[in-house]
PDB file of N, CA and C in Angstrom:
ATOM      1  N   MET A   1       0.926  -1.091   0.016  1.00  0.00           N
ATOM      2  CA  MET A   1       0.203  -0.059  -0.097  1.00  0.00           C
ATOM      3  C   MET A   1       0.771   1.367   0.304  1.00  0.00           C
ATOM      4  N   SER A   2       0.797   2.202  -0.906  1.00  0.00           N
ATOM      5  CA  SER A   2       1.255   3.384  -0.904  1.00  0.00           C
ATOM      6  C   SER A   2       0.623   4.479   0.142  1.00  0.00           C
ATOM      7  N   LEU A   3       1.746   5.137   1.007  1.00  0.00           N
ATOM      8  CA  LEU A   3       1.193   6.025   1.450  1.00  0.00           C
ATOM      9  C   LEU A   3       0.967   7.488   0.488  1.00  0.00           C
ATOM     10  N   GLN A   4       0.371   8.365   0.823  1.00  0.00           N
ATOM     11  CA  GLN A   4      -0.283   9.416   0.347  1.00  0.00           C
ATOM     12  C   GLN A   4      -0.723  10.897   1.234  1.00  0.00           C
ATOM     13  N   ILE A   5      -0.257  11.690   1.322  1.00  0.00           N
ATOM     14  CA  ILE A   5      -0.677  12.838   1.980  1.00  0.00           C
ATOM     15  C   ILE A   5      -1.562  13.819   0.849  1.00  0.00           C
ATOM     16  N   ASP A   6      -2.685  14.048   1.457  1.00  0.00           N
ATOM     17  CA  ASP A   6      -3.252  15.056   0.636  1.00  0.00           C
ATOM     18  C   ASP A   6      -3.030  16.867   1.306  1.00  0.00           C
ATOM     19  N   ALA A   7      -3.490  17.463   0.019  1.00  0.00           N
ATOM     20  CA  ALA A   7      -3.296  19.052  -0.025  1.00  0.00           C
ATOM     21  C   ALA A   7      -3.400  19.564   1.015  1.00  0.00           C
ATOM     22  N   VAL A   8      -4.346  19.617   1.860  1.00  0.00           N
ATOM     23  CA  VAL A   8      -4.611  20.007   3.063  1.00  0.00           C
ATOM     24  C   VAL A   8      -3.611  19.473   4.298  1.00  0.00           C
ATOM     25  N   ASN A   9      -3.452  18.493   4.609  1.00  0.00           N
ATOM     26  CA  ASN A   9      -2.539  17.833   5.206  1.00  0.00           C
ATOM     27  C   ASN A   9      -0.743  18.611   4.999  1.00  0.00           C
ATOM     28  N   LEU A  10      -0.868  18.704   3.914  1.00  0.00           N
ATOM     29  CA  LEU A  10       0.451  19.184   3.056  1.00  0.00           C
ATOM     30  C   LEU A  10       0.826  20.559   3.654  1.00  0.00           C
ATOM     31  N   GLN A  11      -0.304  21.442   3.127  1.00  0.00           N
ATOM     32  CA  GLN A  11      -0.355  23.014   3.545  1.00  0.00           C
ATOM     33  C   GLN A  11      -0.258  23.224   4.940  1.00  0.00           C
ATOM     34  N   GLN A  12      -0.711  22.279   5.735  1.00  0.00           N
ATOM     35  CA  GLN A  12      -0.476  22.710   7.518  1.00  0.00           C
ATOM     36  C   GLN A  12       0.708  22.316   7.674  1.00  0.00           C
ATOM     37  N   ARG A  13       1.448  21.456   7.313  1.00  0.00           N
ATOM     38  CA  ARG A  13       2.720  21.166   7.760  1.00  0.00           C
ATOM     39  C   ARG A  13       3.815  22.551   7.289  1.00  0.00           C
ATOM     40  N   ILE A  14       3.374  22.991   6.146  1.00  0.00           N
ATOM     41  CA  ILE A  14       4.431  23.572   5.479  1.00  0.00           C
ATOM     42  C   ILE A  14       4.167  25.130   6.523  1.00  0.00           C
ATOM     43  N   GLN A  15       2.787  25.865   6.915  1.00  0.00           N
ATOM     44  CA  GLN A  15       2.477  26.640   7.392  1.00  0.00           C
ATOM     45  C   GLN A  15       3.095  26.439   8.782  1.00  0.00           C
ATOM     46  N   ASN A  16       2.834  25.568   9.360  1.00  0.00           N
ATOM     47  CA  ASN A  16       3.243  25.024  10.448  1.00  0.00           C
ATOM     48  C   ASN A  16       5.399  25.080  10.722  1.00  0.00           C
ATOM     49  N   GLY A  17       5.824  25.181   9.412  1.00  0.00           N
ATOM     50  CA  GLY A  17       7.460  25.569   9.379  1.00  0.00           C
ATOM     51  C   GLY A  17       7.974  24.875   9.719  1.00  0.00           C
ATOM     52  N   GLU A  18       7.337  23.149   9.442  1.00  0.00           N
ATOM     53  CA  GLU A  18       8.092  21.668   9.483  1.00  0.00           C
ATOM     54  C   GLU A  18       8.818  21.447   8.234  1.00  0.00           C
ATOM     55  N   ALA A  19      10.009  21.301   8.652  1.00  0.00           N
ATOM     56  CA  ALA A  19      11.270  20.633   7.634  1.00  0.00           C
ATOM     57  C   ALA A  19      10.992  20.068   6.456  1.00  0.00           C
ATOM     58  N   LEU A  20      10.342  19.488   5.620  1.00  0.00           N
ATOM     59  CA  LEU A  20       9.747  18.571   5.153  1.00  0.00           C
ATOM     60  C   LEU A  20      10.828  18.541   3.851  1.00  0.00           C
ATOM     61  N   ASN A  21      10.861  17.015   3.546  1.00  0.00           N
ATOM     62  CA  ASN A  21      12.259  16.389   2.288  1.00  0.00           C
ATOM     63  C   ASN A  21      11.297  15.771   1.108  1.00  0.00           C
ATOM     64  N   LEU A  22      11.343  17.511   0.345  1.00  0.00           N
ATOM     65  CA  LEU A  22      10.392  17.002  -0.572  1.00  0.00           C
ATOM     66  C   LEU A  22      11.192  16.953  -1.741  1.00  0.00           C
ATOM     67  N   LEU A  23      10.838  16.201  -2.841  1.00  0.00           N
ATOM     68  CA  LEU A  23      11.229  15.796  -3.690  1.00  0.00           C
ATOM     69  C   LEU A  23      10.394  15.634  -5.439  1.00  0.00           C
ATOM     70  N   ASP A  24      10.557  16.770  -6.134  1.00  0.00           N
ATOM     71  CA  ASP A  24       9.884  17.363  -7.315  1.00  0.00           C
ATOM     72  C   ASP A  24      10.369  16.758  -8.807  1.00  0.00           C
ATOM     73  N   VAL A  25       9.141  15.672  -8.758  1.00  0.00           N
ATOM     74  CA  VAL A  25       9.886  14.493  -9.924  1.00  0.00           C
ATOM     75  C   VAL A  25       9.180  15.349 -11.584  1.00  0.00           C
ATOM     76  N   ARG A  26       8.896  16.400 -11.654  1.00  0.00           N
ATOM     77  CA  ARG A  26       8.664  17.121 -12.906  1.00  0.00           C
ATOM     78  C   ARG A  26       9.788  17.516 -13.426  1.00  0.00           C
ATOM     79  N   GLU A  27       9.252  17.728 -14.851  1.00  0.00           N
ATOM     80  CA  GLU A  27      10.616  18.111 -15.537  1.00  0.00           C
ATOM     81  C   GLU A  27      11.393  19.657 -15.027  1.00  0.00           C
ATOM     82  N   ALA A  28      12.440  20.352 -15.275  1.00  0.00           N
ATOM     83  CA  ALA A  28      13.231  21.320 -14.964  1.00  0.00           C
ATOM     84  C   ALA A  28      12.093  22.551 -15.328  1.00  0.00           C
ATOM     85  N   ILE A  29      11.126  22.578 -16.724  1.00  0.00           N
ATOM     86  CA  ILE A  29      11.045  23.408 -17.078  1.00  0.00           C
ATOM     87  C   ILE A  29      10.013  24.230 -15.982  1.00  0.00           C
ATOM     88  N   GLU A  30       9.113  22.883 -15.781  1.00  0.00           N
ATOM     89  CA  GLU A  30       8.014  23.004 -14.804  1.00  0.00           C
ATOM     90  C   GLU A  30       8.140  23.374 -13.171  1.00  0.00           C
ATOM     91  N   TYR A  31       9.133  22.952 -12.998  1.00  0.00           N
ATOM     92  CA  TYR A  31      10.128  23.088 -11.644  1.00  0.00           C
ATOM     93  C   TYR A  31      10.483  24.937 -11.503  1.00  0.00           C
ATOM     94  N   HIS A  32      10.537  25.305 -12.413  1.00  0.00           N
ATOM     95  CA  HIS A  32      11.165  26.391 -12.378  1.00  0.00           C
ATOM     96  C   HIS A  32      10.305  27.483 -12.739  1.00  0.00           C
ATOM     97  N   THR A  33       9.353  27.267 -13.288  1.00  0.00           N
ATOM     98  CA  THR A  33       8.155  28.219 -13.386  1.00  0.00           C
ATOM     99  C   THR A  33       7.209  28.062 -12.160  1.00  0.00           C
ATOM    100  N   PHE A  34       7.205  27.187 -11.346  1.00  0.00           N
ATOM    101  CA  PHE A  34       6.454  27.069 -10.381  1.00  0.00           C
ATOM    102  C   PHE A  34       7.165  25.865  -9.173  1.00  0.00           C
ATOM    103  N   ASN A  35       7.146  26.163  -8.048  1.00  0.00           N
ATOM    104  CA  ASN A  35       7.723  25.150  -7.331  1.00  0.00           C
ATOM    105  C   ASN A  35       7.150  25.162  -5.731  1.00  0.00           C
ATOM    106  N   ILE A  36       7.020  24.687  -4.736  1.00  0.00           N
ATOM    107  CA  ILE A  36       7.383  24.729  -3.386  1.00  0.00           C
ATOM    108  C   ILE A  36       8.613  24.204  -3.091  1.00  0.00           C
ATOM    109  N   GLY A  37       9.508  23.816  -3.353  1.00  0.00           N
ATOM    110  CA  GLY A  37      10.832  24.143  -2.377  1.00  0.00           C
ATOM    111  C   GLY A  37      11.123  22.198  -2.832  1.00  0.00           C
ATOM    112  N   GLY A  38      11.959  21.924  -2.202  1.00  0.00           N
ATOM    113  CA  GLY A  38      13.166  20.573  -2.841  1.00  0.00           C
ATOM    114  C   GLY A  38      13.882  20.543  -3.701  1.00  0.00           C
ATOM    115  N   GLN A  39      14.389  19.056  -4.017  1.00  0.00           N
ATOM    116  CA  GLN A  39      15.025  18.711  -4.652  1.00  0.00           C
ATOM    117  C   GLN A  39      13.874  18.471  -5.905  1.00  0.00           C
ATOM    118  N   ASN A  40      15.001  18.721  -6.932  1.00  0.00           N
ATOM    119  CA  ASN A  40      14.177  18.483  -8.467  1.00  0.00           C
ATOM    120  C   ASN A  40      14.832  17.580  -9.365  1.00  0.00           C
ATOM    121  N   ILE A  41      14.150  16.156  -9.115  1.00  0.00           N
ATOM    122  CA  ILE A  41      14.744  14.729 -10.401  1.00  0.00           C
ATOM    123  C   ILE A  41      13.717  14.445 -10.998  1.00  0.00           C
ATOM    124  N   PRO A  42      13.726  15.113 -12.313  1.00  0.00           N
ATOM    125  CA  PRO A  42      12.733  14.333 -12.930  1.00  0.00           C
ATOM    126  C   PRO A  42      12.423  12.807 -12.880  1.00  0.00           C
ATOM    127  N   VAL A  43      11.040  12.617 -12.935  1.00  0.00           N
ATOM    128  CA  VAL A  43      10.851  11.215 -13.022  1.00  0.00           C
ATOM    129  C   VAL A  43      11.661  10.342 -14.129  1.00  0.00           C
ATOM    130  N   GLY A  44      11.763  10.896 -15.453  1.00  0.00           N
ATOM    131  CA  GLY A  44      12.423   9.967 -16.012  1.00  0.00           C
ATOM    132  C   GLY A  44      13.690   9.839 -15.845  1.00  0.00           C
ATOM    133  N   LYS A  45      14.409  10.677 -15.594  1.00  0.00           N
ATOM    134  CA  LYS A  45      15.920  10.425 -15.119  1.00  0.00           C
ATOM    135  C   LYS A  45      16.189   9.809 -13.560  1.00  0.00           C
ATOM    136  N   LEU A  46      14.816   9.669 -12.641  1.00  0.00           N
ATOM    137  CA  LEU A  46      15.557   9.156 -11.617  1.00  0.00           C
ATOM    138  C   LEU A  46      16.285   7.602 -11.090  1.00  0.00           C
ATOM    139  N   LYS A  47      15.699   6.794 -11.783  1.00  0.00           N
ATOM    140  CA  LYS A  47      16.691   5.706 -11.873  1.00  0.00           C
ATOM    141  C   LYS A  47      18.284   5.973 -11.972  1.00  0.00           C
ATOM    142  N   GLU A  48      18.764   6.663 -13.003  1.00  0.00           N
ATOM    143  CA  GLU A  48      20.158   7.029 -13.567  1.00  0.00           C
ATOM    144  C   GLU A  48      20.421   8.148 -12.178  1.00  0.00           C
ATOM    145  N   HIS A  49      19.774   8.873 -11.681  1.00  0.00           N
ATOM    146  CA  HIS A  49      20.435   9.848 -10.356  1.00  0.00           C
ATOM    147  C   HIS A  49      19.591   9.376  -9.199  1.00  0.00           C
ATOM    148  N   ILE A  50      19.815   8.267  -8.733  1.00  0.00           N
ATOM    149  CA  ILE A  50      19.009   8.290  -7.552  1.00  0.00           C
ATOM    150  C   ILE A  50      20.058   8.399  -6.212  1.00  0.00           C
ATOM    151  N   ASN A  51      21.296   7.996  -6.841  1.00  0.00           N
ATOM    152  CA  ASN A  51      22.208   8.550  -5.866  1.00  0.00           C
ATOM    153  C   ASN A  51      22.553  10.097  -5.650  1.00  0.00           C
ATOM    154  N   ARG A  52      21.526  10.509  -6.082  1.00  0.00           N
ATOM    155  CA  ARG A  52      21.556  11.903  -5.970  1.00  0.00           C
ATOM    156  C   ARG A  52      20.793  12.714  -4.883  1.00  0.00           C
ATOM    157  N   ILE A  53      19.705  12.017  -4.558  1.00  0.00           N
ATOM    158  CA  ILE A  53      19.071  11.812  -3.757  1.00  0.00           C
ATOM    159  C   ILE A  53      19.612  12.540  -2.608  1.00  0.00           C
ATOM    160  N   CYS A  54      19.462  13.964  -2.085  1.00  0.00           N
ATOM    161  CA  CYS A  54      20.207  14.641  -1.240  1.00  0.00           C
ATOM    162  C   CYS A  54      19.318  14.574   0.174  1.00  0.00           C
ATOM    163  N   TYR A  55      18.238  13.161   0.660  1.00  0.00           N
ATOM    164  CA  TYR A  55      17.810  12.741   1.769  1.00  0.00           C
ATOM    165  C   TYR A  55      18.442  11.368   2.263  1.00  0.00           C
ATOM    166  N   ASN A  56      18.144  11.169   3.520  1.00  0.00           N
ATOM    167  CA  ASN A  56      18.521   9.888   3.635  1.00  0.00           C
ATOM    168  C   ASN A  56      17.417   8.633   3.235  1.00  0.00           C
ATOM    169  N   LYS A  57      17.561   7.158   3.335  1.00  0.00           N
ATOM    170  CA  LYS A  57      16.689   6.589   2.668  1.00  0.00           C
ATOM    171  C   LYS A  57      15.869   6.167   3.816  1.00  0.00           C
ATOM    172  N   THR A  58      16.100   6.371   5.107  1.00  0.00           N
ATOM    173  CA  THR A  58      15.235   6.298   6.311  1.00  0.00           C
ATOM    174  C   THR A  58      14.361   7.349   6.281  1.00  0.00           C
ATOM    175  N   ASP A  59      14.523   8.720   6.181  1.00  0.00           N
ATOM    176  CA  ASP A  59      13.747   9.787   6.104  1.00  0.00           C
ATOM    177  C   ASP A  59      12.350   9.684   5.260  1.00  0.00           C
ATOM    178  N   GLU A  60      11.343  10.465   5.935  1.00  0.00           N
ATOM    179  CA  GLU A  60       9.848  10.464   5.223  1.00  0.00           C
ATOM    180  C   GLU A  60      10.744  11.644   3.795  1.00  0.00           C
ATOM    181  N   ILE A  61      10.214  11.185   2.621  1.00  0.00           N
ATOM    182  CA  ILE A  61      10.365  11.960   1.747  1.00  0.00           C
ATOM    183  C   ILE A  61       9.311  11.672   1.092  1.00  0.00           C
ATOM    184  N   ILE A  62       8.247  13.267   0.840  1.00  0.00           N
ATOM    185  CA  ILE A  62       7.638  13.766   0.258  1.00  0.00           C
ATOM    186  C   ILE A  62       7.731  14.025  -1.119  1.00  0.00           C
ATOM    187  N   VAL A  63       6.871  12.897  -2.590  1.00  0.00           N
ATOM    188  CA  VAL A  63       7.543  13.049  -3.843  1.00  0.00           C
ATOM    189  C   VAL A  63       6.018  13.621  -4.304  1.00  0.00           C
ATOM    190  N   ILE A  64       6.481  14.438  -5.491  1.00  0.00           N
ATOM    191  CA  ILE A  64       5.431  15.593  -5.723  1.00  0.00           C
ATOM    192  C   ILE A  64       5.862  15.803  -7.446  1.00  0.00           C
ATOM    193  N   CYS A  65       4.445  15.996  -8.293  1.00  0.00           N
ATOM    194  CA  CYS A  65       4.330  16.268  -9.384  1.00  0.00           C
ATOM    195  C   CYS A  65       3.152  17.351  -9.707  1.00  0.00           C
ATOM    196  N   SER A  66       2.577  17.445 -10.630  1.00  0.00           N
ATOM    197  CA  SER A  66       1.679  18.346 -11.193  1.00  0.00           C
ATOM    198  C   SER A  66       0.622  17.299 -11.028  1.00  0.00           C
ATOM    199  N   ALA A  67       0.265  16.552 -11.072  1.00  0.00           N
ATOM    200  CA  ALA A  67      -1.031  16.354 -10.454  1.00  0.00           C
ATOM    201  C   ALA A  67      -1.033  14.701  -9.893  1.00  0.00           C
ATOM    202  N   GLY A  68      -0.214  13.922  -9.419  1.00  0.00           N
ATOM    203  CA  GLY A  68       0.079  13.087  -8.617  1.00  0.00           C
ATOM    204  C   GLY A  68       0.018  11.638  -9.448  1.00  0.00           C
ATOM    205  N   ILE A  69       0.823  11.827 -10.755  1.00  0.00           N
ATOM    206  CA  ILE A  69       0.669  10.486 -11.291  1.00  0.00           C
ATOM    207  C   ILE A  69       2.172  10.059 -11.614  1.00  0.00           C
ATOM    208  N   ARG A  70       2.489  11.155 -11.843  1.00  0.00           N
ATOM    209  CA  ARG A  70       4.412  10.933 -12.032  1.00  0.00           C
ATOM    210  C   ARG A  70       5.103  10.463 -10.648  1.00  0.00           C
ATOM    211  N   SER A  71       4.679  11.345  -9.546  1.00  0.00           N
ATOM    212  CA  SER A  71       5.207  11.010  -8.501  1.00  0.00           C
ATOM    213  C   SER A  71       4.437  10.214  -7.876  1.00  0.00           C
ATOM    214  N   GLU A  72       3.557   9.003  -8.435  1.00  0.00           N
ATOM    215  CA  GLU A  72       3.364   7.551  -7.899  1.00  0.00           C
ATOM    216  C   GLU A  72       4.251   6.487  -8.532  1.00  0.00           C
ATOM    217  N   THR A  73       4.829   6.932  -9.806  1.00  0.00           N
ATOM    218  CA  THR A  73       5.854   6.388 -10.391  1.00  0.00           C
ATOM    219  C   THR A  73       7.019   6.555  -9.558  1.00  0.00           C
ATOM    220  N   ALA A  74       7.600   7.879  -9.117  1.00  0.00           N
ATOM    221  CA  ALA A  74       8.595   7.828  -8.624  1.00  0.00           C
ATOM    222  C   ALA A  74       8.541   7.309  -6.926  1.00  0.00           C
ATOM    223  N   GLN A  75       7.475   7.454  -6.839  1.00  0.00           N
ATOM    224  CA  GLN A  75       7.483   6.574  -5.286  1.00  0.00           C
ATOM    225  C   GLN A  75       7.716   5.157  -5.418  1.00  0.00           C
ATOM    226  N   ALA A  76       7.122   4.164  -6.473  1.00  0.00           N
ATOM    227  CA  ALA A  76       7.455   3.036  -6.897  1.00  0.00           C
ATOM    228  C   ALA A  76       9.094   2.832  -6.893  1.00  0.00           C
ATOM    229  N   ILE A  77      10.064   3.505  -7.895  1.00  0.00           N
ATOM    230  CA  ILE A  77      11.040   3.872  -7.852  1.00  0.00           C
ATOM    231  C   ILE A  77      11.882   3.432  -7.036  1.00  0.00           C
ATOM    232  N   LEU A  78      11.365   4.357  -5.746  1.00  0.00           N
ATOM    233  CA  LEU A  78      12.444   4.791  -4.617  1.00  0.00           C
ATOM    234  C   LEU A  78      12.305   3.935  -3.768  1.00  0.00           C
ATOM    235  N   THR A  79      10.830   3.250  -3.549  1.00  0.00           N
ATOM    236  CA  THR A  79      10.834   2.100  -2.511  1.00  0.00           C
ATOM    237  C   THR A  79      11.994   0.871  -3.159  1.00  0.00           C
ATOM    238  N   GLU A  80      11.729   0.581  -4.336  1.00  0.00           N
ATOM    239  CA  GLU A  80      12.174  -0.655  -5.225  1.00  0.00           C
ATOM    240  C   GLU A  80      13.602  -0.086  -4.833  1.00  0.00           C
ATOM    241  N   ASN A  81      14.546   0.852  -4.618  1.00  0.00           N
ATOM    242  CA  ASN A  81      15.584   1.320  -4.580  1.00  0.00           C
ATOM    243  C   ASN A  81      16.160   1.521  -2.952  1.00  0.00           C
ATOM    244  N   GLY A  82      15.268   0.608  -2.348  1.00  0.00           N
ATOM    245  CA  GLY A  82      15.492   0.719  -0.400  1.00  0.00           C
ATOM    246  C   GLY A  82      15.182   1.789   0.230  1.00  0.00           C
ATOM    247  N   PHE A  83      14.206   3.109  -0.380  1.00  0.00           N
ATOM    248  CA  PHE A  83      14.011   4.313   0.528  1.00  0.00           C
ATOM    249  C   PHE A  83      12.669   4.140   1.237  1.00  0.00           C
ATOM    250  N   GLY A  84      12.710   4.078   2.298  1.00  0.00           N
ATOM    251  CA  GLY A  84      11.209   2.956   3.416  1.00  0.00           C
ATOM    252  C   GLY A  84      10.466   3.908   3.790  1.00  0.00           C
ATOM    253  N   HIS A  85      10.568   5.433   3.277  1.00  0.00           N
ATOM    254  CA  HIS A  85       9.200   6.108   3.865  1.00  0.00           C
ATOM    255  C   HIS A  85       8.749   7.452   3.034  1.00  0.00           C
ATOM    256  N   ILE A  86       8.224   7.024   1.705  1.00  0.00           N
ATOM    257  CA  ILE A  86       7.785   7.861   0.549  1.00  0.00           C
ATOM    258  C   ILE A  86       6.775   7.621   0.953  1.00  0.00           C
ATOM    259  N   VAL A  87       6.044   9.496   0.543  1.00  0.00           N
ATOM    260  CA  VAL A  87       4.901   9.649   0.736  1.00  0.00           C
ATOM    261  C   VAL A  87       4.423  10.466  -0.636  1.00  0.00           C
ATOM    262  N   ASN A  88       3.246  10.425  -1.429  1.00  0.00           N
ATOM    263  CA  ASN A  88       2.947  10.575  -2.795  1.00  0.00           C
ATOM    264  C   ASN A  88       1.861  11.506  -2.266  1.00  0.00           C
ATOM    265  N   LEU A  89       1.635  13.501  -2.947  1.00  0.00           N
ATOM    266  CA  LEU A  89       0.961  14.100  -2.643  1.00  0.00           C
ATOM    267  C   LEU A  89       0.003  13.687  -3.645  1.00  0.00           C
ATOM    268  N   LYS A  90      -0.784  13.385  -2.999  1.00  0.00           N
ATOM    269  CA  LYS A  90      -2.389  13.175  -4.154  1.00  0.00           C
ATOM    270  C   LYS A  90      -3.108  14.809  -4.880  1.00  0.00           C
ATOM    271  N   GLY A  91      -3.120  14.306  -5.620  1.00  0.00           N
ATOM    272  CA  GLY A  91      -3.325  15.197  -6.601  1.00  0.00           C
ATOM    273  C   GLY A  91      -2.599  16.058  -7.029  1.00  0.00           C
ATOM    274  N   GLY A  92      -1.402  16.252  -6.680  1.00  0.00           N
ATOM    275  CA  GLY A  92      -0.047  16.622  -7.014  1.00  0.00           C
ATOM    276  C   GLY A  92      -0.292  18.478  -7.091  1.00  0.00           C
ATOM    277  N   LEU A  93       0.459  19.458  -7.104  1.00  0.00           N
ATOM    278  CA  LEU A  93       0.625  20.527  -7.090  1.00  0.00           C
ATOM    279  C   LEU A  93      -0.660  21.018  -7.207  1.00  0.00           C
ATOM    280  N   LYS A  94      -1.206  20.438  -8.380  1.00  0.00           N
ATOM    281  CA  LYS A  94      -2.548  21.167  -8.919  1.00  0.00           C
ATOM    282  C   LYS A  94      -3.541  21.720  -7.459  1.00  0.00           C
ATOM    283  N   SER A  95      -3.945  20.497  -6.716  1.00  0.00           N
ATOM    284  CA  SER A  95      -4.577  20.485  -5.697  1.00  0.00           C
ATOM    285  C   SER A  95      -4.006  21.202  -4.429  1.00  0.00           C
ATOM    286  N   LEU A  96      -2.979  21.292  -4.412  1.00  0.00           N
ATOM    287  CA  LEU A  96      -2.492  22.234  -3.577  1.00  0.00           C
ATOM    288  C   LEU A  96      -2.782  24.059  -3.877  1.00  0.00           C
ATOM    289  N   GLN A  97      -2.485  23.913  -5.399  1.00  0.00           N
ATOM    290  CA  GLN A  97      -3.000  25.217  -5.905  1.00  0.00           C
ATOM    291  C   GLN A  97      -4.640  25.630  -5.583  1.00  0.00           C
ATOM    292  N   LYS A  98      -5.203  24.638  -5.718  1.00  0.00           N
ATOM    293  CA  LYS A  98      -6.620  24.758  -5.501  1.00  0.00           C
ATOM    294  C   LYS A  98      -6.788  25.378  -4.174  1.00  0.00           C
ATOM    295  N   LEU A  99      -6.034  24.819  -3.231  1.00  0.00           N
ATOM    296  CA  LEU A  99      -6.547  25.508  -1.584  1.00  0.00           C
ATOM    297  C   LEU A  99      -6.016  26.937  -1.976  1.00  0.00           C
ATOM    298  N   ASN A 100      -5.220  27.346  -2.345  1.00  0.00           N
ATOM    299  CA  ASN A 100      -4.684  28.865  -2.351  1.00  0.00           C
ATOM    300  C   ASN A 100      -5.765  29.527  -3.232  1.00  0.00           C
ATOM    301  N   ILE A 101      -6.223  29.410  -4.412  1.00  0.00           N
ATOM    302  CA  ILE A 101      -7.335  29.930  -5.070  1.00  0.00           C
ATOM    303  C   ILE A 101      -8.178  30.497  -4.462  1.00  0.00           C
ATOM    304  N   LYS A 102      -8.992  29.605  -3.070  1.00  0.00           N
ATOM    305  CA  LYS A 102     -10.177  29.982  -2.510  1.00  0.00           C
ATOM    306  C   LYS A 102      -9.785  30.918  -1.758  1.00  0.00           C
TER     307      LYS A 102
END
């Protein structure tokens, strides 16, 4: 079973000033257009750059993308490579942006 966090909970954790380990798996152009921080490694390059991840394998890492699809793929790749606590942002950054529009 894959772990997920929804936009409301993530936003609360950010507002509480929690230090989060974010891994944004969108393409670089998407990341530079809009991001909420964290490390950027596109999902298509994740397997070959797995050793560039700056977080520990035991840390909670929240993977994010636009809609939550690519981050699910990244979650599986990371889990297969020994990362133990990977959480997917359900609905992706779009769900987080919708909260801020209201």
